[in-house]
Amino acid sequence: MLALITVVSWRIFWITMSARAQPLAKPETVLTPAEIETLDRIDAARSRPRIMRRTVATYLLQIAMLGGYLARTRDPPPGNMVVWRGLTKLQDIAFGIAIGSTRRCG
């Protein structure tokens, strides 16, 4: 159990620090295609899209906002706890999309 938790926490820390170190990098460097597609679908459903540029920092901000980050002008950058909560919610949404997209009959 400890080994599993270590790998998960390392990934969360790596995503958070990658967005701080290289905010203009492509999101494919730290996120899976399924996560990127899910975030794009969530953003497309909004009346005013938030993802203007496809960068790691933009996608991390969207993940953090799923975890409760408010993104006010004076707020510090999102931390590991908020990113963890956002990734958990993102995985749930991606699972729901995968379930809804498969045809079961006919």
C-alpha atoms as a PDB file:
ATOM      1  CA  MET A   1       0.000   0.000   0.000  1.00  0.00           C
ATOM      2  CA  LEU A   2       2.842   2.343   0.823  1.00  0.00           C
ATOM      3  CA  ALA A   3       4.428   1.793  -2.597  1.00  0.00           C
ATOM      4  CA  LEU A   4       1.168   2.629  -4.358  1.00  0.00           C
ATOM      5  CA  ILE A   5       0.645   5.789  -2.320  1.00  0.00           C
ATOM      6  CA  THR A   6       4.251   6.818  -3.023  1.00  0.00           C
ATOM      7  CA  VAL A   7       3.798   6.546  -6.791  1.00  0.00           C
ATOM      8  CA  VAL A   8       0.514   8.483  -6.729  1.00  0.00           C
ATOM      9  CA  SER A   9       1.912  11.241  -4.521  1.00  0.00           C
ATOM     10  CA  TRP A  10       5.037  11.488  -6.691  1.00  0.00           C
ATOM     11  CA  ARG A  11       2.873  11.992  -9.797  1.00  0.00           C
ATOM     12  CA  ILE A  12       0.820  14.721  -8.126  1.00  0.00           C
ATOM     13  CA  PHE A  13       3.975  16.489  -6.949  1.00  0.00           C
ATOM     14  CA  TRP A  14       5.566  16.111 -10.405  1.00  0.00           C
ATOM     15  CA  ILE A  15       2.543  17.617 -12.179  1.00  0.00           C
ATOM     16  CA  THR A  16       2.432  20.541  -9.745  1.00  0.00           C
ATOM     17  CA  MET A  17       6.137  21.304  -9.975  1.00  0.00           C
ATOM     18  CA  SER A  18       6.244  20.838 -13.772  1.00  0.00           C
ATOM     19  CA  ALA A  19       3.606  23.530 -14.163  1.00  0.00           C
ATOM     20  CA  ARG A  20       5.666  25.878 -11.998  1.00  0.00           C
ATOM     21  CA  ALA A  21       9.019  25.118 -13.643  1.00  0.00           C
ATOM     22  CA  GLN A  22       7.868  25.075 -17.293  1.00  0.00           C
ATOM     23  CA  PRO A  23       4.388  26.632 -17.509  1.00  0.00           C
ATOM     24  CA  LEU A  24       4.469  26.895 -21.317  1.00  0.00           C
ATOM     25  CA  ALA A  25       5.231  23.214 -21.952  1.00  0.00           C
ATOM     26  CA  LYS A  26       2.754  21.014 -23.782  1.00  0.00           C
ATOM     27  CA  PRO A  27       0.214  19.292 -21.528  1.00  0.00           C
ATOM     28  CA  GLU A  28       1.069  15.917 -23.068  1.00  0.00           C
ATOM     29  CA  THR A  29       4.329  15.960 -21.103  1.00  0.00           C
ATOM     30  CA  VAL A  30       2.548  15.436 -17.762  1.00  0.00           C
ATOM     31  CA  LEU A  31      -1.044  14.394 -18.514  1.00  0.00           C
ATOM     32  CA  THR A  32      -2.496  11.391 -20.295  1.00  0.00           C
ATOM     33  CA  PRO A  33      -4.521  11.844 -23.491  1.00  0.00           C
ATOM     34  CA  ALA A  34      -7.667  10.763 -21.618  1.00  0.00           C
ATOM     35  CA  GLU A  35      -7.134  13.463 -18.979  1.00  0.00           C
ATOM     36  CA  ILE A  36      -6.552  16.124 -21.631  1.00  0.00           C
ATOM     37  CA  GLU A  37      -9.636  15.051 -23.577  1.00  0.00           C
ATOM     38  CA  THR A  38     -11.758  15.092 -20.420  1.00  0.00           C
ATOM     39  CA  LEU A  39     -10.586  18.585 -19.497  1.00  0.00           C
ATOM     40  CA  ASP A  40     -11.271  19.759 -23.055  1.00  0.00           C
ATOM     41  CA  ARG A  41     -14.791  18.315 -22.913  1.00  0.00           C
ATOM     42  CA  ILE A  42     -15.457  19.953 -19.537  1.00  0.00           C
ATOM     43  CA  ASP A  43     -14.237  23.285 -20.906  1.00  0.00           C
ATOM     44  CA  ALA A  44     -16.296  22.956 -24.101  1.00  0.00           C
ATOM     45  CA  ALA A  45     -19.450  22.599 -22.005  1.00  0.00           C
ATOM     46  CA  ARG A  46     -18.909  26.010 -20.367  1.00  0.00           C
ATOM     47  CA  SER A  47     -20.525  29.153 -21.704  1.00  0.00           C
ATOM     48  CA  ARG A  48     -17.140  30.938 -21.570  1.00  0.00           C
ATOM     49  CA  PRO A  49     -14.197  28.591 -22.204  1.00  0.00           C
ATOM     50  CA  ARG A  50     -11.248  28.901 -19.819  1.00  0.00           C
ATOM     51  CA  ILE A  51      -8.632  27.012 -21.816  1.00  0.00           C
ATOM     52  CA  MET A  52      -7.260  29.563 -24.261  1.00  0.00           C
ATOM     53  CA  ARG A  53      -3.736  28.141 -24.589  1.00  0.00           C
ATOM     54  CA  ARG A  54      -2.784  24.485 -24.480  1.00  0.00           C
ATOM     55  CA  THR A  55      -0.088  24.658 -21.809  1.00  0.00           C
ATOM     56  CA  VAL A  56       0.695  22.667 -18.675  1.00  0.00           C
ATOM     57  CA  ALA A  57      -0.094  25.658 -16.462  1.00  0.00           C
ATOM     58  CA  THR A  58      -3.547  26.130 -18.005  1.00  0.00           C
ATOM     59  CA  TYR A  59      -4.490  22.487 -17.594  1.00  0.00           C
ATOM     60  CA  LEU A  60      -3.105  22.355 -14.050  1.00  0.00           C
ATOM     61  CA  LEU A  61      -5.230  25.375 -13.177  1.00  0.00           C
ATOM     62  CA  GLN A  62      -8.321  23.567 -14.510  1.00  0.00           C
ATOM     63  CA  ILE A  63      -7.456  20.489 -12.443  1.00  0.00           C
ATOM     64  CA  ALA A  64      -6.920  22.634  -9.351  1.00  0.00           C
ATOM     65  CA  MET A  65     -10.261  24.364  -9.906  1.00  0.00           C
ATOM     66  CA  LEU A  66     -11.939  20.948  -9.958  1.00  0.00           C
ATOM     67  CA  GLY A  67     -10.334  20.418  -6.545  1.00  0.00           C
ATOM     68  CA  GLY A  68     -11.651  23.660  -5.085  1.00  0.00           C
ATOM     69  CA  TYR A  69      -8.981  26.189  -6.051  1.00  0.00           C
ATOM     70  CA  LEU A  70     -10.593  29.624  -6.547  1.00  0.00           C
ATOM     71  CA  ALA A  71      -7.925  31.160  -8.829  1.00  0.00           C
ATOM     72  CA  ARG A  72      -8.246  34.685  -7.488  1.00  0.00           C
ATOM     73  CA  THR A  73      -5.601  37.207  -8.490  1.00  0.00           C
ATOM     74  CA  ARG A  74      -3.840  37.244  -5.098  1.00  0.00           C
ATOM     75  CA  ASP A  75      -4.019  33.492  -4.442  1.00  0.00           C
ATOM     76  CA  PRO A  76      -0.751  31.523  -4.340  1.00  0.00           C
ATOM     77  CA  PRO A  77      -0.260  28.813  -6.974  1.00  0.00           C
ATOM     78  CA  PRO A  78      -2.234  25.624  -6.355  1.00  0.00           C
ATOM     79  CA  GLY A  79      -0.664  23.105  -4.031  1.00  0.00           C
ATOM     80  CA  ASN A  80      -0.491  19.341  -3.936  1.00  0.00           C
ATOM     81  CA  MET A  81      -3.663  18.804  -1.897  1.00  0.00           C
ATOM     82  CA  VAL A  82      -5.825  20.806  -4.286  1.00  0.00           C
ATOM     83  CA  VAL A  83      -4.275  19.070  -7.294  1.00  0.00           C
ATOM     84  CA  TRP A  84      -4.876  15.684  -5.643  1.00  0.00           C
ATOM     85  CA  ARG A  85      -8.561  16.508  -5.079  1.00  0.00           C
ATOM     86  CA  GLY A  86      -8.849  17.802  -8.648  1.00  0.00           C
ATOM     87  CA  LEU A  87      -7.209  14.724 -10.169  1.00  0.00           C
ATOM     88  CA  THR A  88      -9.521  12.481  -8.152  1.00  0.00           C
ATOM     89  CA  LYS A  89     -12.546  14.339  -9.470  1.00  0.00           C
ATOM     90  CA  LEU A  90     -11.098  14.361 -12.997  1.00  0.00           C
ATOM     91  CA  GLN A  91     -10.669  10.567 -12.907  1.00  0.00           C
ATOM     92  CA  ASP A  92     -14.284  10.175 -11.788  1.00  0.00           C
ATOM     93  CA  ILE A  93     -15.504  12.400 -14.633  1.00  0.00           C
ATOM     94  CA  ALA A  94     -13.341  10.551 -17.178  1.00  0.00           C
ATOM     95  CA  PHE A  95     -14.732   7.235 -15.949  1.00  0.00           C
ATOM     96  CA  GLY A  96     -18.275   8.551 -16.321  1.00  0.00           C
ATOM     97  CA  ILE A  97     -17.559   9.728 -19.865  1.00  0.00           C
ATOM     98  CA  ALA A  98     -16.075   6.311 -20.717  1.00  0.00           C
ATOM     99  CA  ILE A  99     -19.141   4.542 -19.362  1.00  0.00           C
ATOM    100  CA  GLY A 100     -21.538   6.844 -21.178  1.00  0.00           C
ATOM    101  CA  SER A 101     -19.754   6.575 -24.515  1.00  0.00           C
ATOM    102  CA  THR A 102     -19.967   2.789 -24.865  1.00  0.00           C
ATOM    103  CA  ARG A 103     -23.044   1.302 -26.458  1.00  0.00           C
ATOM    104  CA  ARG A 104     -24.517  -1.552 -24.522  1.00  0.00           C
ATOM    105  CA  CYS A 105     -27.260  -2.729 -26.813  1.00  0.00           C
ATOM    106  CA  GLY A 106     -28.401  -2.309 -30.405  1.00  0.00           C
END
